[in-house]
């Protein structure tokens, strides 16, 4: 219940790692965060990858255009070579990630998705990158950053 009332946005596109996406979504939902999936694609679903093959389609909750004005408490970008490459080539996505970073919204990227942070010029204490660590450790770090970020903002107001 540590994240009750918080909005977490998961950014995906074709080629995202299915299992990681599912684990990340479940983990944030288990902390009672409100979780939405978005993509810069114009379709209502994206194709995932599982064990090097096509996985299940992932349903998109919100269009990318609608999230540009959404107040989010965190951005999560799951692993996936194909999805990261496509996201890095999208200038609107790069600008969105940079804008969230400027607003001090915590950003969490796993594996290949860290390339998107470099492409967006986003590196700070508000960013958690999963490279070689376990998923549970990554999630604990992400929740900790979100809680500390919310506490810090309350102190400023």
C-alpha atoms as a PDB file:
ATOM      1  CA  UNK A   1       0.000   0.000   0.000  1.00  0.00           C
ATOM      2  CA  UNK A   2       3.053   2.223  -0.127  1.00  0.00           C
ATOM      3  CA  UNK A   3       2.131   3.621  -3.537  1.00  0.00           C
ATOM      4  CA  UNK A   4      -1.632   4.010  -3.089  1.00  0.00           C
ATOM      5  CA  UNK A   5      -2.850   6.965  -5.109  1.00  0.00           C
ATOM      6  CA  UNK A   6       0.293   7.093  -7.285  1.00  0.00           C
ATOM      7  CA  UNK A   7       0.129   6.865 -11.069  1.00  0.00           C
ATOM      8  CA  UNK A   8       2.750   4.769 -12.854  1.00  0.00           C
ATOM      9  CA  UNK A   9       3.055   4.949 -16.624  1.00  0.00           C
ATOM     10  CA  UNK A  10       4.661   2.051 -18.515  1.00  0.00           C
ATOM     11  CA  UNK A  11       6.038   3.047 -21.924  1.00  0.00           C
ATOM     12  CA  UNK A  12       6.232   0.201 -24.456  1.00  0.00           C
ATOM     13  CA  UNK A  13       6.283  -0.490 -28.170  1.00  0.00           C
ATOM     14  CA  UNK A  14       6.608  -3.572 -30.375  1.00  0.00           C
ATOM     15  CA  UNK A  15       9.441  -5.805 -29.183  1.00  0.00           C
ATOM     16  CA  UNK A  16       9.106  -5.260 -25.441  1.00  0.00           C
ATOM     17  CA  UNK A  17      10.028  -8.246 -23.271  1.00  0.00           C
ATOM     18  CA  UNK A  18       6.685  -9.847 -22.337  1.00  0.00           C
ATOM     19  CA  UNK A  19       7.651 -11.430 -19.022  1.00  0.00           C
ATOM     20  CA  UNK A  20       9.407  -8.346 -17.729  1.00  0.00           C
ATOM     21  CA  UNK A  21       6.503  -6.100 -18.697  1.00  0.00           C
ATOM     22  CA  UNK A  22       4.081  -8.391 -16.850  1.00  0.00           C
ATOM     23  CA  UNK A  23       6.287  -8.591 -13.757  1.00  0.00           C
ATOM     24  CA  UNK A  24       6.780  -4.832 -13.598  1.00  0.00           C
ATOM     25  CA  UNK A  25       3.075  -4.139 -14.017  1.00  0.00           C
ATOM     26  CA  UNK A  26       2.099  -6.692 -11.352  1.00  0.00           C
ATOM     27  CA  UNK A  27       4.729  -5.401  -8.948  1.00  0.00           C
ATOM     28  CA  UNK A  28       3.560  -1.784  -9.096  1.00  0.00           C
ATOM     29  CA  UNK A  29      -0.090  -2.857  -8.933  1.00  0.00           C
ATOM     30  CA  UNK A  30       0.712  -4.953  -5.847  1.00  0.00           C
ATOM     31  CA  UNK A  31       1.924  -1.719  -4.218  1.00  0.00           C
ATOM     32  CA  UNK A  32      -1.507  -0.264  -5.059  1.00  0.00           C
ATOM     33  CA  UNK A  33      -0.236   2.118  -7.713  1.00  0.00           C
ATOM     34  CA  UNK A  34      -2.543   2.965 -10.569  1.00  0.00           C
ATOM     35  CA  UNK A  35      -0.711   1.567 -13.621  1.00  0.00           C
ATOM     36  CA  UNK A  36      -1.290   2.568 -17.242  1.00  0.00           C
ATOM     37  CA  UNK A  37       0.429   1.317 -20.385  1.00  0.00           C
ATOM     38  CA  UNK A  38       1.049   3.615 -23.331  1.00  0.00           C
ATOM     39  CA  UNK A  39       2.828   3.483 -26.679  1.00  0.00           C
ATOM     40  CA  UNK A  40       3.698   6.041 -29.335  1.00  0.00           C
ATOM     41  CA  UNK A  41       2.215   3.628 -31.908  1.00  0.00           C
ATOM     42  CA  UNK A  42      -1.267   4.313 -33.154  1.00  0.00           C
ATOM     43  CA  UNK A  43      -2.525   0.797 -32.394  1.00  0.00           C
ATOM     44  CA  UNK A  44      -4.386  -0.410 -29.301  1.00  0.00           C
ATOM     45  CA  UNK A  45      -1.851  -3.153 -28.619  1.00  0.00           C
ATOM     46  CA  UNK A  46       1.845  -3.883 -29.039  1.00  0.00           C
ATOM     47  CA  UNK A  47       3.607  -7.124 -29.918  1.00  0.00           C
ATOM     48  CA  UNK A  48       5.822  -8.500 -27.166  1.00  0.00           C
ATOM     49  CA  UNK A  49       8.803 -10.841 -27.364  1.00  0.00           C
ATOM     50  CA  UNK A  50       9.112 -13.997 -25.256  1.00  0.00           C
ATOM     51  CA  UNK A  51      12.169 -16.249 -25.427  1.00  0.00           C
ATOM     52  CA  UNK A  52      13.169 -14.780 -28.798  1.00  0.00           C
ATOM     53  CA  UNK A  53       9.750 -15.350 -30.365  1.00  0.00           C
ATOM     54  CA  UNK A  54       6.590 -13.341 -30.642  1.00  0.00           C
ATOM     55  CA  UNK A  55       4.774 -13.239 -27.333  1.00  0.00           C
ATOM     56  CA  UNK A  56       1.324 -12.067 -26.324  1.00  0.00           C
ATOM     57  CA  UNK A  57      -0.065  -8.764 -27.465  1.00  0.00           C
ATOM     58  CA  UNK A  58      -0.069  -6.124 -24.731  1.00  0.00           C
ATOM     59  CA  UNK A  59      -3.151  -3.950 -24.534  1.00  0.00           C
ATOM     60  CA  UNK A  60      -2.528  -0.216 -24.398  1.00  0.00           C
ATOM     61  CA  UNK A  61      -4.515   1.642 -21.717  1.00  0.00           C
ATOM     62  CA  UNK A  62      -3.915   5.206 -22.905  1.00  0.00           C
ATOM     63  CA  UNK A  63      -2.892   6.772 -26.195  1.00  0.00           C
ATOM     64  CA  UNK A  64       0.473   8.502 -26.158  1.00  0.00           C
ATOM     65  CA  UNK A  65      -1.175  11.829 -26.996  1.00  0.00           C
ATOM     66  CA  UNK A  66      -3.356  11.582 -23.885  1.00  0.00           C
ATOM     67  CA  UNK A  67      -0.433  10.926 -21.524  1.00  0.00           C
ATOM     68  CA  UNK A  68       1.429  14.038 -22.602  1.00  0.00           C
ATOM     69  CA  UNK A  69      -0.771  16.042 -20.237  1.00  0.00           C
ATOM     70  CA  UNK A  70      -1.294  13.320 -17.601  1.00  0.00           C
ATOM     71  CA  UNK A  71       0.149  13.897 -14.144  1.00  0.00           C
ATOM     72  CA  UNK A  72       2.274  10.806 -13.529  1.00  0.00           C
ATOM     73  CA  UNK A  73       4.296   9.883 -10.462  1.00  0.00           C
ATOM     74  CA  UNK A  74       6.712   7.563 -12.291  1.00  0.00           C
ATOM     75  CA  UNK A  75       7.669   6.362 -15.748  1.00  0.00           C
ATOM     76  CA  UNK A  76       8.703   2.731 -16.274  1.00  0.00           C
ATOM     77  CA  UNK A  77      10.425   1.508 -19.444  1.00  0.00           C
ATOM     78  CA  UNK A  78      10.790  -2.299 -19.634  1.00  0.00           C
ATOM     79  CA  UNK A  79      13.639  -4.122 -21.369  1.00  0.00           C
ATOM     80  CA  UNK A  80      13.565  -5.032 -25.035  1.00  0.00           C
ATOM     81  CA  UNK A  81      16.117  -4.450 -27.787  1.00  0.00           C
ATOM     82  CA  UNK A  82      13.552  -3.885 -30.535  1.00  0.00           C
ATOM     83  CA  UNK A  83      11.299  -1.682 -28.422  1.00  0.00           C
ATOM     84  CA  UNK A  84      14.197   0.419 -27.128  1.00  0.00           C
ATOM     85  CA  UNK A  85      15.511   0.992 -30.632  1.00  0.00           C
ATOM     86  CA  UNK A  86      12.086   2.150 -31.834  1.00  0.00           C
ATOM     87  CA  UNK A  87      11.557   4.401 -28.795  1.00  0.00           C
ATOM     88  CA  UNK A  88      15.019   5.981 -29.219  1.00  0.00           C
ATOM     89  CA  UNK A  89      14.181   6.873 -32.819  1.00  0.00           C
ATOM     90  CA  UNK A  90      10.977   8.704 -31.846  1.00  0.00           C
ATOM     91  CA  UNK A  91      11.657  12.394 -31.154  1.00  0.00           C
ATOM     92  CA  UNK A  92       8.316  12.840 -29.404  1.00  0.00           C
ATOM     93  CA  UNK A  93       9.226  10.041 -26.970  1.00  0.00           C
ATOM     94  CA  UNK A  94      12.674  11.538 -26.330  1.00  0.00           C
ATOM     95  CA  UNK A  95      11.075  14.904 -25.594  1.00  0.00           C
ATOM     96  CA  UNK A  96       8.465  13.313 -23.312  1.00  0.00           C
ATOM     97  CA  UNK A  97      11.103  11.464 -21.268  1.00  0.00           C
ATOM     98  CA  UNK A  98      13.194  14.636 -20.994  1.00  0.00           C
ATOM     99  CA  UNK A  99      10.152  16.686 -19.930  1.00  0.00           C
ATOM    100  CA  UNK A 100       9.255  14.189 -17.190  1.00  0.00           C
ATOM    101  CA  UNK A 101      12.855  14.298 -16.004  1.00  0.00           C
ATOM    102  CA  UNK A 102      12.727  18.113 -15.867  1.00  0.00           C
ATOM    103  CA  UNK A 103       9.562  17.820 -13.734  1.00  0.00           C
ATOM    104  CA  UNK A 104      11.543  15.514 -11.381  1.00  0.00           C
ATOM    105  CA  UNK A 105       9.308  12.520 -12.106  1.00  0.00           C
ATOM    106  CA  UNK A 106      11.158   9.291 -11.212  1.00  0.00           C
ATOM    107  CA  UNK A 107      12.081   7.220 -14.263  1.00  0.00           C
ATOM    108  CA  UNK A 108      12.860   3.501 -14.134  1.00  0.00           C
ATOM    109  CA  UNK A 109      14.491   1.718 -17.073  1.00  0.00           C
ATOM    110  CA  UNK A 110      15.423  -1.925 -17.330  1.00  0.00           C
ATOM    111  CA  UNK A 111      18.180  -3.446 -19.452  1.00  0.00           C
ATOM    112  CA  UNK A 112      18.278  -2.092 -23.004  1.00  0.00           C
ATOM    113  CA  UNK A 113      15.760   0.617 -22.063  1.00  0.00           C
ATOM    114  CA  UNK A 114      18.614   2.496 -20.356  1.00  0.00           C
ATOM    115  CA  UNK A 115      19.666   3.562 -23.868  1.00  0.00           C
ATOM    116  CA  UNK A 116      16.495   5.645 -24.052  1.00  0.00           C
ATOM    117  CA  UNK A 117      17.633   7.594 -20.994  1.00  0.00           C
ATOM    118  CA  UNK A 118      20.988   8.355 -22.598  1.00  0.00           C
ATOM    119  CA  UNK A 119      19.279   9.373 -25.846  1.00  0.00           C
ATOM    120  CA  UNK A 120      16.975  11.696 -23.855  1.00  0.00           C
ATOM    121  CA  UNK A 121      19.891  13.147 -21.826  1.00  0.00           C
ATOM    122  CA  UNK A 122      18.278  11.943 -18.617  1.00  0.00           C
ATOM    123  CA  UNK A 123      20.549  10.941 -15.751  1.00  0.00           C
ATOM    124  CA  UNK A 124      20.053  11.839 -12.079  1.00  0.00           C
ATOM    125  CA  UNK A 125      19.102  10.494  -8.668  1.00  0.00           C
ATOM    126  CA  UNK A 126      15.491  10.329  -9.899  1.00  0.00           C
ATOM    127  CA  UNK A 127      16.501   7.593 -12.349  1.00  0.00           C
ATOM    128  CA  UNK A 128      16.857   3.893 -11.495  1.00  0.00           C
ATOM    129  CA  UNK A 129      18.418   1.622 -14.105  1.00  0.00           C
ATOM    130  CA  UNK A 130      18.328  -2.159 -13.927  1.00  0.00           C
ATOM    131  CA  UNK A 131      21.507  -3.588 -15.381  1.00  0.00           C
ATOM    132  CA  UNK A 132      22.544  -6.935 -13.954  1.00  0.00           C
ATOM    133  CA  UNK A 133      20.454  -6.719 -10.783  1.00  0.00           C
ATOM    134  CA  UNK A 134      17.469  -8.848  -9.894  1.00  0.00           C
ATOM    135  CA  UNK A 135      13.986  -7.646 -10.693  1.00  0.00           C
ATOM    136  CA  UNK A 136      12.899  -7.654  -7.004  1.00  0.00           C
ATOM    137  CA  UNK A 137      15.890  -5.447  -6.079  1.00  0.00           C
ATOM    138  CA  UNK A 138      15.099  -3.093  -8.976  1.00  0.00           C
ATOM    139  CA  UNK A 139      11.473  -2.836  -7.854  1.00  0.00           C
ATOM    140  CA  UNK A 140      12.441  -2.169  -4.230  1.00  0.00           C
ATOM    141  CA  UNK A 141      14.738   0.628  -5.408  1.00  0.00           C
ATOM    142  CA  UNK A 142      11.980   2.063  -7.619  1.00  0.00           C
ATOM    143  CA  UNK A 143       9.415   2.081  -4.810  1.00  0.00           C
ATOM    144  CA  UNK A 144      11.954   3.693  -2.472  1.00  0.00           C
ATOM    145  CA  UNK A 145      12.697   6.464  -4.988  1.00  0.00           C
ATOM    146  CA  UNK A 146       8.975   7.113  -5.520  1.00  0.00           C
ATOM    147  CA  UNK A 147       8.327   7.369  -1.771  1.00  0.00           C
ATOM    148  CA  UNK A 148      11.345   9.613  -1.193  1.00  0.00           C
ATOM    149  CA  UNK A 149      10.406  11.761  -4.181  1.00  0.00           C
ATOM    150  CA  UNK A 150       6.876  12.283  -2.841  1.00  0.00           C
ATOM    151  CA  UNK A 151       8.218  13.140   0.628  1.00  0.00           C
ATOM    152  CA  UNK A 152      10.705  15.612  -0.837  1.00  0.00           C
ATOM    153  CA  UNK A 153       8.004  17.379  -2.857  1.00  0.00           C
ATOM    154  CA  UNK A 154       5.759  17.668   0.223  1.00  0.00           C
ATOM    155  CA  UNK A 155       8.626  19.320   2.123  1.00  0.00           C
ATOM    156  CA  UNK A 156       8.997  21.924  -0.634  1.00  0.00           C
ATOM    157  CA  UNK A 157       5.353  22.980  -0.577  1.00  0.00           C
END
